[in-house]
Amino acid sequence: MRVLLFGKVSYYAMDTGLRIKLVREHRGLTQQKLGEMLGYGKSSANRIAQYEMGYRSPKANRLKEIAKAMNLSLIHISEPTRH
């Protein structure tokens, strides 16, 4: 089993918002840029920040769009498998 570690936190112990943040940063995207890719307009950075901090949870269809924008499968954003 391969477990990715970010600091001392296992990728598998993270919530969806933190996974979005780590992948976004790894991809070199700002909150603003990711939000614009998703069509959020002026509230781009704010909406992504809300997801990442856990104030809001993206609905299933939006989670699919986030995964697609970051070139990931949905499972890696929502509930990564352990392999």
PDB file of N, CA and C in Angstrom:
ATOM      1  N   MET A   1       0.846  -1.170   0.000  1.00  0.00           N
ATOM      2  CA  MET A   1       0.000   0.000   0.000  1.00  0.00           C
ATOM      3  C   MET A   1       0.894   1.236   0.000  1.00  0.00           C
ATOM      4  N   ARG A   2       0.566   2.192  -0.832  1.00  0.00           N
ATOM      5  CA  ARG A   2       1.319   3.435  -0.913  1.00  0.00           C
ATOM      6  C   ARG A   2       0.479   4.555  -0.314  1.00  0.00           C
ATOM      7  N   VAL A   3       1.021   5.240   0.655  1.00  0.00           N
ATOM      8  CA  VAL A   3       0.318   6.340   1.300  1.00  0.00           C
ATOM      9  C   VAL A   3       1.113   7.617   1.051  1.00  0.00           C
ATOM     10  N   LEU A   4       0.470   8.612   0.483  1.00  0.00           N
ATOM     11  CA  LEU A   4       1.113   9.900   0.277  1.00  0.00           C
ATOM     12  C   LEU A   4       1.041  10.692   1.572  1.00  0.00           C
ATOM     13  N   LEU A   5       2.144  11.296   1.946  1.00  0.00           N
ATOM     14  CA  LEU A   5       2.165  12.095   3.159  1.00  0.00           C
ATOM     15  C   LEU A   5       2.423  13.553   2.824  1.00  0.00           C
ATOM     16  N   PHE A   6       1.649  14.426   3.398  1.00  0.00           N
ATOM     17  CA  PHE A   6       1.829  15.863   3.270  1.00  0.00           C
ATOM     18  C   PHE A   6       2.067  16.359   4.686  1.00  0.00           C
ATOM     19  N   GLY A   7       3.322  16.700   4.981  1.00  0.00           N
ATOM     20  CA  GLY A   7       3.657  16.999   6.369  1.00  0.00           C
ATOM     21  C   GLY A   7       3.567  15.694   7.126  1.00  0.00           C
ATOM     22  N   LYS A   8       2.759  15.658   8.158  1.00  0.00           N
ATOM     23  CA  LYS A   8       2.571  14.433   8.927  1.00  0.00           C
ATOM     24  C   LYS A   8       1.156  13.890   8.782  1.00  0.00           C
ATOM     25  N   VAL A   9       0.432  14.387   7.792  1.00  0.00           N
ATOM     26  CA  VAL A   9      -0.962  13.988   7.608  1.00  0.00           C
ATOM     27  C   VAL A   9      -1.065  13.045   6.418  1.00  0.00           C
ATOM     28  N   SER A  10      -1.639  11.890   6.621  1.00  0.00           N
ATOM     29  CA  SER A  10      -1.864  10.943   5.540  1.00  0.00           C
ATOM     30  C   SER A  10      -2.910  11.494   4.588  1.00  0.00           C
ATOM     31  N   TYR A  11      -2.676  11.335   3.294  1.00  0.00           N
ATOM     32  CA  TYR A  11      -3.636  11.784   2.279  1.00  0.00           C
ATOM     33  C   TYR A  11      -4.990  11.133   2.502  1.00  0.00           C
ATOM     34  N   TYR A  12      -5.010   9.936   3.051  1.00  0.00           N
ATOM     35  CA  TYR A  12      -6.253   9.201   3.236  1.00  0.00           C
ATOM     36  C   TYR A  12      -7.044   9.680   4.449  1.00  0.00           C
ATOM     37  N   ALA A  13      -6.401  10.411   5.344  1.00  0.00           N
ATOM     38  CA  ALA A  13      -7.087  10.908   6.527  1.00  0.00           C
ATOM     39  C   ALA A  13      -7.664  12.301   6.291  1.00  0.00           C
ATOM     40  N   MET A  14      -7.389  12.876   5.154  1.00  0.00           N
ATOM     41  CA  MET A  14      -7.827  14.239   4.863  1.00  0.00           C
ATOM     42  C   MET A  14      -9.268  14.278   4.387  1.00  0.00           C
ATOM     43  N   ASP A  15      -9.893  15.402   4.595  1.00  0.00           N
ATOM     44  CA  ASP A  15     -11.228  15.589   4.051  1.00  0.00           C
ATOM     45  C   ASP A  15     -11.123  16.068   2.606  1.00  0.00           C
ATOM     46  N   THR A  16     -12.225  16.102   1.939  1.00  0.00           N
ATOM     47  CA  THR A  16     -12.257  16.461   0.520  1.00  0.00           C
ATOM     48  C   THR A  16     -11.687  17.854   0.273  1.00  0.00           C
ATOM     49  N   GLY A  17     -12.027  18.826   1.094  1.00  0.00           N
ATOM     50  CA  GLY A  17     -11.540  20.186   0.911  1.00  0.00           C
ATOM     51  C   GLY A  17     -10.021  20.272   0.957  1.00  0.00           C
ATOM     52  N   LEU A  18      -9.424  19.569   1.892  1.00  0.00           N
ATOM     53  CA  LEU A  18      -7.966  19.593   1.999  1.00  0.00           C
ATOM     54  C   LEU A  18      -7.328  18.882   0.808  1.00  0.00           C
ATOM     55  N   ARG A  19      -7.948  17.814   0.329  1.00  0.00           N
ATOM     56  CA  ARG A  19      -7.431  17.143  -0.875  1.00  0.00           C
ATOM     57  C   ARG A  19      -7.474  18.094  -2.068  1.00  0.00           C
ATOM     58  N   ILE A  20      -8.582  18.829  -2.203  1.00  0.00           N
ATOM     59  CA  ILE A  20      -8.696  19.802  -3.299  1.00  0.00           C
ATOM     60  C   ILE A  20      -7.554  20.811  -3.200  1.00  0.00           C
ATOM     61  N   LYS A  21      -7.319  21.326  -2.016  1.00  0.00           N
ATOM     62  CA  LYS A  21      -6.263  22.320  -1.823  1.00  0.00           C
ATOM     63  C   LYS A  21      -4.887  21.765  -2.185  1.00  0.00           C
ATOM     64  N   LEU A  22      -4.561  20.590  -1.683  1.00  0.00           N
ATOM     65  CA  LEU A  22      -3.234  20.037  -1.942  1.00  0.00           C
ATOM     66  C   LEU A  22      -3.005  19.740  -3.415  1.00  0.00           C
ATOM     67  N   VAL A  23      -4.004  19.195  -4.074  1.00  0.00           N
ATOM     68  CA  VAL A  23      -3.865  18.905  -5.503  1.00  0.00           C
ATOM     69  C   VAL A  23      -3.800  20.205  -6.294  1.00  0.00           C
ATOM     70  N   ARG A  24      -4.641  21.175  -5.940  1.00  0.00           N
ATOM     71  CA  ARG A  24      -4.623  22.472  -6.623  1.00  0.00           C
ATOM     72  C   ARG A  24      -3.247  23.105  -6.530  1.00  0.00           C
ATOM     73  N   GLU A  25      -2.683  23.129  -5.322  1.00  0.00           N
ATOM     74  CA  GLU A  25      -1.357  23.716  -5.136  1.00  0.00           C
ATOM     75  C   GLU A  25      -0.291  22.928  -5.890  1.00  0.00           C
ATOM     76  N   HIS A  26      -0.397  21.602  -5.862  1.00  0.00           N
ATOM     77  CA  HIS A  26       0.556  20.753  -6.585  1.00  0.00           C
ATOM     78  C   HIS A  26       0.509  21.035  -8.091  1.00  0.00           C
ATOM     79  N   ARG A  27      -0.665  21.332  -8.591  1.00  0.00           N
ATOM     80  CA  ARG A  27      -0.846  21.631 -10.016  1.00  0.00           C
ATOM     81  C   ARG A  27      -0.457  23.079 -10.353  1.00  0.00           C
ATOM     82  N   GLY A  28      -0.125  23.865  -9.335  1.00  0.00           N
ATOM     83  CA  GLY A  28       0.275  25.255  -9.558  1.00  0.00           C
ATOM     84  C   GLY A  28      -0.882  26.184  -9.864  1.00  0.00           C
ATOM     85  N   LEU A  29      -2.068  25.821  -9.400  1.00  0.00           N
ATOM     86  CA  LEU A  29      -3.258  26.639  -9.638  1.00  0.00           C
ATOM     87  C   LEU A  29      -3.569  27.490  -8.415  1.00  0.00           C
ATOM     88  N   THR A  30      -3.983  28.707  -8.649  1.00  0.00           N
ATOM     89  CA  THR A  30      -4.495  29.540  -7.558  1.00  0.00           C
ATOM     90  C   THR A  30      -5.972  29.205  -7.367  1.00  0.00           C
ATOM     91  N   GLN A  31      -6.516  29.639  -6.245  1.00  0.00           N
ATOM     92  CA  GLN A  31      -7.952  29.464  -6.033  1.00  0.00           C
ATOM     93  C   GLN A  31      -8.721  30.205  -7.117  1.00  0.00           C
ATOM     94  N   GLN A  32      -8.253  31.396  -7.456  1.00  0.00           N
ATOM     95  CA  GLN A  32      -8.895  32.203  -8.498  1.00  0.00           C
ATOM     96  C   GLN A  32      -8.908  31.460  -9.832  1.00  0.00           C
ATOM     97  N   LYS A  33      -7.769  30.904 -10.224  1.00  0.00           N
ATOM     98  CA  LYS A  33      -7.666  30.217 -11.519  1.00  0.00           C
ATOM     99  C   LYS A  33      -8.566  28.983 -11.559  1.00  0.00           C
ATOM    100  N   LEU A  34      -8.549  28.179 -10.510  1.00  0.00           N
ATOM    101  CA  LEU A  34      -9.406  26.994 -10.485  1.00  0.00           C
ATOM    102  C   LEU A  34     -10.874  27.409 -10.543  1.00  0.00           C
ATOM    103  N   GLY A  35     -11.241  28.422  -9.798  1.00  0.00           N
ATOM    104  CA  GLY A  35     -12.621  28.912  -9.827  1.00  0.00           C
ATOM    105  C   GLY A  35     -13.034  29.390 -11.203  1.00  0.00           C
ATOM    106  N   GLU A  36     -12.122  30.083 -11.891  1.00  0.00           N
ATOM    107  CA  GLU A  36     -12.414  30.547 -13.247  1.00  0.00           C
ATOM    108  C   GLU A  36     -12.571  29.364 -14.206  1.00  0.00           C
ATOM    109  N   MET A  37     -11.753  28.330 -14.024  1.00  0.00           N
ATOM    110  CA  MET A  37     -11.871  27.136 -14.860  1.00  0.00           C
ATOM    111  C   MET A  37     -13.236  26.475 -14.686  1.00  0.00           C
ATOM    112  N   LEU A  38     -13.815  26.666 -13.508  1.00  0.00           N
ATOM    113  CA  LEU A  38     -15.112  26.070 -13.194  1.00  0.00           C
ATOM    114  C   LEU A  38     -16.276  27.007 -13.493  1.00  0.00           C
ATOM    115  N   GLY A  39     -15.965  28.217 -13.945  1.00  0.00           N
ATOM    116  CA  GLY A  39     -17.010  29.162 -14.325  1.00  0.00           C
ATOM    117  C   GLY A  39     -17.651  29.917 -13.185  1.00  0.00           C
ATOM    118  N   TYR A  40     -16.924  30.127 -12.082  1.00  0.00           N
ATOM    119  CA  TYR A  40     -17.487  30.826 -10.934  1.00  0.00           C
ATOM    120  C   TYR A  40     -17.513  32.340 -11.077  1.00  0.00           C
ATOM    121  N   GLY A  41     -16.796  32.893 -12.022  1.00  0.00           N
ATOM    122  CA  GLY A  41     -16.816  34.343 -12.212  1.00  0.00           C
ATOM    123  C   GLY A  41     -16.114  35.086 -11.093  1.00  0.00           C
ATOM    124  N   LYS A  42     -16.720  36.189 -10.642  1.00  0.00           N
ATOM    125  CA  LYS A  42     -16.092  37.064  -9.647  1.00  0.00           C
ATOM    126  C   LYS A  42     -15.866  36.393  -8.294  1.00  0.00           C
ATOM    127  N   SER A  43     -16.679  35.416  -7.964  1.00  0.00           N
ATOM    128  CA  SER A  43     -16.554  34.757  -6.652  1.00  0.00           C
ATOM    129  C   SER A  43     -15.636  33.537  -6.692  1.00  0.00           C
ATOM    130  N   SER A  44     -14.833  33.423  -7.737  1.00  0.00           N
ATOM    131  CA  SER A  44     -13.992  32.237  -7.944  1.00  0.00           C
ATOM    132  C   SER A  44     -13.168  31.843  -6.730  1.00  0.00           C
ATOM    133  N   ALA A  45     -12.306  32.732  -6.282  1.00  0.00           N
ATOM    134  CA  ALA A  45     -11.400  32.406  -5.185  1.00  0.00           C
ATOM    135  C   ALA A  45     -12.171  32.135  -3.898  1.00  0.00           C
ATOM    136  N   ASN A  46     -13.215  32.913  -3.656  1.00  0.00           N
ATOM    137  CA  ASN A  46     -14.000  32.746  -2.443  1.00  0.00           C
ATOM    138  C   ASN A  46     -14.663  31.366  -2.383  1.00  0.00           C
ATOM    139  N   ARG A  47     -15.248  30.930  -3.473  1.00  0.00           N
ATOM    140  CA  ARG A  47     -15.937  29.634  -3.494  1.00  0.00           C
ATOM    141  C   ARG A  47     -14.955  28.491  -3.269  1.00  0.00           C
ATOM    142  N   ILE A  48     -13.816  28.528  -3.944  1.00  0.00           N
ATOM    143  CA  ILE A  48     -12.811  27.475  -3.776  1.00  0.00           C
ATOM    144  C   ILE A  48     -12.290  27.485  -2.338  1.00  0.00           C
ATOM    145  N   ALA A  49     -12.059  28.656  -1.778  1.00  0.00           N
ATOM    146  CA  ALA A  49     -11.607  28.763  -0.385  1.00  0.00           C
ATOM    147  C   ALA A  49     -12.629  28.145   0.567  1.00  0.00           C
ATOM    148  N   GLN A  50     -13.898  28.372   0.305  1.00  0.00           N
ATOM    149  CA  GLN A  50     -14.949  27.791   1.151  1.00  0.00           C
ATOM    150  C   GLN A  50     -14.911  26.271   1.105  1.00  0.00           C
ATOM    151  N   TYR A  51     -14.688  25.698  -0.061  1.00  0.00           N
ATOM    152  CA  TYR A  51     -14.559  24.240  -0.170  1.00  0.00           C
ATOM    153  C   TYR A  51     -13.347  23.754   0.616  1.00  0.00           C
ATOM    154  N   GLU A  52     -12.222  24.425   0.408  1.00  0.00           N
ATOM    155  CA  GLU A  52     -10.973  23.984   1.026  1.00  0.00           C
ATOM    156  C   GLU A  52     -10.993  24.088   2.548  1.00  0.00           C
ATOM    157  N   MET A  53     -11.678  25.089   3.083  1.00  0.00           N
ATOM    158  CA  MET A  53     -11.748  25.269   4.536  1.00  0.00           C
ATOM    159  C   MET A  53     -12.898  24.499   5.175  1.00  0.00           C
ATOM    160  N   GLY A  54     -13.726  23.853   4.354  1.00  0.00           N
ATOM    161  CA  GLY A  54     -14.814  23.048   4.886  1.00  0.00           C
ATOM    162  C   GLY A  54     -16.069  23.827   5.222  1.00  0.00           C
ATOM    163  N   TYR A  55     -16.142  25.099   4.810  1.00  0.00           N
ATOM    164  CA  TYR A  55     -17.353  25.880   5.049  1.00  0.00           C
ATOM    165  C   TYR A  55     -18.483  25.451   4.122  1.00  0.00           C
ATOM    166  N   ARG A  56     -18.118  24.960   2.960  1.00  0.00           N
ATOM    167  CA  ARG A  56     -19.087  24.444   1.987  1.00  0.00           C
ATOM    168  C   ARG A  56     -18.568  23.124   1.474  1.00  0.00           C
ATOM    169  N   SER A  57     -19.478  22.276   1.058  1.00  0.00           N
ATOM    170  CA  SER A  57     -19.100  21.020   0.407  1.00  0.00           C
ATOM    171  C   SER A  57     -19.613  21.053  -1.023  1.00  0.00           C
ATOM    172  N   PRO A  58     -18.741  20.754  -1.977  1.00  0.00           N
ATOM    173  CA  PRO A  58     -19.207  20.755  -3.360  1.00  0.00           C
ATOM    174  C   PRO A  58     -20.192  19.614  -3.604  1.00  0.00           C
ATOM    175  N   LYS A  59     -21.244  19.911  -4.360  1.00  0.00           N
ATOM    176  CA  LYS A  59     -22.201  18.872  -4.731  1.00  0.00           C
ATOM    177  C   LYS A  59     -21.517  17.900  -5.682  1.00  0.00           C
ATOM    178  N   ALA A  60     -22.119  16.748  -5.865  1.00  0.00           N
ATOM    179  CA  ALA A  60     -21.503  15.678  -6.657  1.00  0.00           C
ATOM    180  C   ALA A  60     -21.110  16.136  -8.062  1.00  0.00           C
ATOM    181  N   ASN A  61     -21.990  16.865  -8.737  1.00  0.00           N
ATOM    182  CA  ASN A  61     -21.666  17.293 -10.096  1.00  0.00           C
ATOM    183  C   ASN A  61     -20.511  18.294 -10.101  1.00  0.00           C
ATOM    184  N   ARG A  62     -20.441  19.157  -9.093  1.00  0.00           N
ATOM    185  CA  ARG A  62     -19.346  20.129  -9.007  1.00  0.00           C
ATOM    186  C   ARG A  62     -18.040  19.417  -8.655  1.00  0.00           C
ATOM    187  N   LEU A  63     -18.110  18.403  -7.819  1.00  0.00           N
ATOM    188  CA  LEU A  63     -16.924  17.633  -7.467  1.00  0.00           C
ATOM    189  C   LEU A  63     -16.347  16.946  -8.707  1.00  0.00           C
ATOM    190  N   LYS A  64     -17.224  16.458  -9.567  1.00  0.00           N
ATOM    191  CA  LYS A  64     -16.769  15.857 -10.830  1.00  0.00           C
ATOM    192  C   LYS A  64     -16.061  16.891 -11.692  1.00  0.00           C
ATOM    193  N   GLU A  65     -16.604  18.105 -11.733  1.00  0.00           N
ATOM    194  CA  GLU A  65     -15.992  19.171 -12.529  1.00  0.00           C
ATOM    195  C   GLU A  65     -14.633  19.578 -11.965  1.00  0.00           C
ATOM    196  N   ILE A  66     -14.522  19.622 -10.641  1.00  0.00           N
ATOM    197  CA  ILE A  66     -13.244  19.950 -10.009  1.00  0.00           C
ATOM    198  C   ILE A  66     -12.211  18.886 -10.344  1.00  0.00           C
ATOM    199  N   ALA A  67     -12.598  17.629 -10.215  1.00  0.00           N
ATOM    200  CA  ALA A  67     -11.681  16.533 -10.533  1.00  0.00           C
ATOM    201  C   ALA A  67     -11.234  16.610 -11.987  1.00  0.00           C
ATOM    202  N   LYS A  68     -12.164  16.856 -12.883  1.00  0.00           N
ATOM    203  CA  LYS A  68     -11.831  16.948 -14.309  1.00  0.00           C
ATOM    204  C   LYS A  68     -10.891  18.124 -14.571  1.00  0.00           C
ATOM    205  N   ALA A  69     -11.154  19.269 -13.960  1.00  0.00           N
ATOM    206  CA  ALA A  69     -10.308  20.453 -14.159  1.00  0.00           C
ATOM    207  C   ALA A  69      -8.877  20.204 -13.687  1.00  0.00           C
ATOM    208  N   MET A  70      -8.716  19.364 -12.672  1.00  0.00           N
ATOM    209  CA  MET A  70      -7.379  19.088 -12.148  1.00  0.00           C
ATOM    210  C   MET A  70      -6.817  17.772 -12.683  1.00  0.00           C
ATOM    211  N   ASN A  71      -7.500  17.214 -13.690  1.00  0.00           N
ATOM    212  CA  ASN A  71      -7.039  15.994 -14.353  1.00  0.00           C
ATOM    213  C   ASN A  71      -6.897  14.818 -13.380  1.00  0.00           C
ATOM    214  N   LEU A  72      -7.927  14.621 -12.566  1.00  0.00           N
ATOM    215  CA  LEU A  72      -7.964  13.524 -11.602  1.00  0.00           C
ATOM    216  C   LEU A  72      -9.244  12.733 -11.779  1.00  0.00           C
ATOM    217  N   SER A  73      -9.227  11.510 -11.296  1.00  0.00           N
ATOM    218  CA  SER A  73     -10.492  10.783 -11.252  1.00  0.00           C
ATOM    219  C   SER A  73     -11.242  11.262 -10.013  1.00  0.00           C
ATOM    220  N   LEU A  74     -12.532  11.178 -10.055  1.00  0.00           N
ATOM    221  CA  LEU A  74     -13.370  11.628  -8.947  1.00  0.00           C
ATOM    222  C   LEU A  74     -12.990  10.927  -7.652  1.00  0.00           C
ATOM    223  N   ILE A  75     -12.655   9.674  -7.718  1.00  0.00           N
ATOM    224  CA  ILE A  75     -12.343   8.901  -6.513  1.00  0.00           C
ATOM    225  C   ILE A  75     -11.139   9.469  -5.775  1.00  0.00           C
ATOM    226  N   HIS A  76     -10.196  10.058  -6.492  1.00  0.00           N
ATOM    227  CA  HIS A  76      -9.006  10.604  -5.834  1.00  0.00           C
ATOM    228  C   HIS A  76      -9.292  11.903  -5.086  1.00  0.00           C
ATOM    229  N   ILE A  77     -10.363  12.567  -5.417  1.00  0.00           N
ATOM    230  CA  ILE A  77     -10.741  13.779  -4.701  1.00  0.00           C
ATOM    231  C   ILE A  77     -11.670  13.447  -3.543  1.00  0.00           C
ATOM    232  N   SER A  78     -12.634  12.576  -3.778  1.00  0.00           N
ATOM    233  CA  SER A  78     -13.639  12.329  -2.765  1.00  0.00           C
ATOM    234  C   SER A  78     -13.219  11.260  -1.755  1.00  0.00           C
ATOM    235  N   GLU A  79     -12.851  10.102  -2.219  1.00  0.00           N
ATOM    236  CA  GLU A  79     -12.461   9.008  -1.324  1.00  0.00           C
ATOM    237  C   GLU A  79     -11.379   8.192  -1.986  1.00  0.00           C
ATOM    238  N   PRO A  80     -10.130   8.573  -1.829  1.00  0.00           N
ATOM    239  CA  PRO A  80      -9.054   7.838  -2.498  1.00  0.00           C
ATOM    240  C   PRO A  80      -8.939   6.401  -2.009  1.00  0.00           C
ATOM    241  N   THR A  81      -8.642   5.514  -2.933  1.00  0.00           N
ATOM    242  CA  THR A  81      -8.445   4.118  -2.582  1.00  0.00           C
ATOM    243  C   THR A  81      -7.034   3.937  -2.057  1.00  0.00           C
ATOM    244  N   ARG A  82      -6.816   2.898  -1.355  1.00  0.00           N
ATOM    245  CA  ARG A  82      -5.493   2.603  -0.790  1.00  0.00           C
ATOM    246  C   ARG A  82      -4.827   1.519  -1.622  1.00  0.00           C
ATOM    247  N   HIS A  83      -3.979   1.971  -2.564  1.00  0.00           N
ATOM    248  CA  HIS A  83      -3.195   0.999  -3.318  1.00  0.00           C
ATOM    249  C   HIS A  83      -1.873   1.568  -3.706  1.00  0.00           C
TER     250      HIS A  83
END
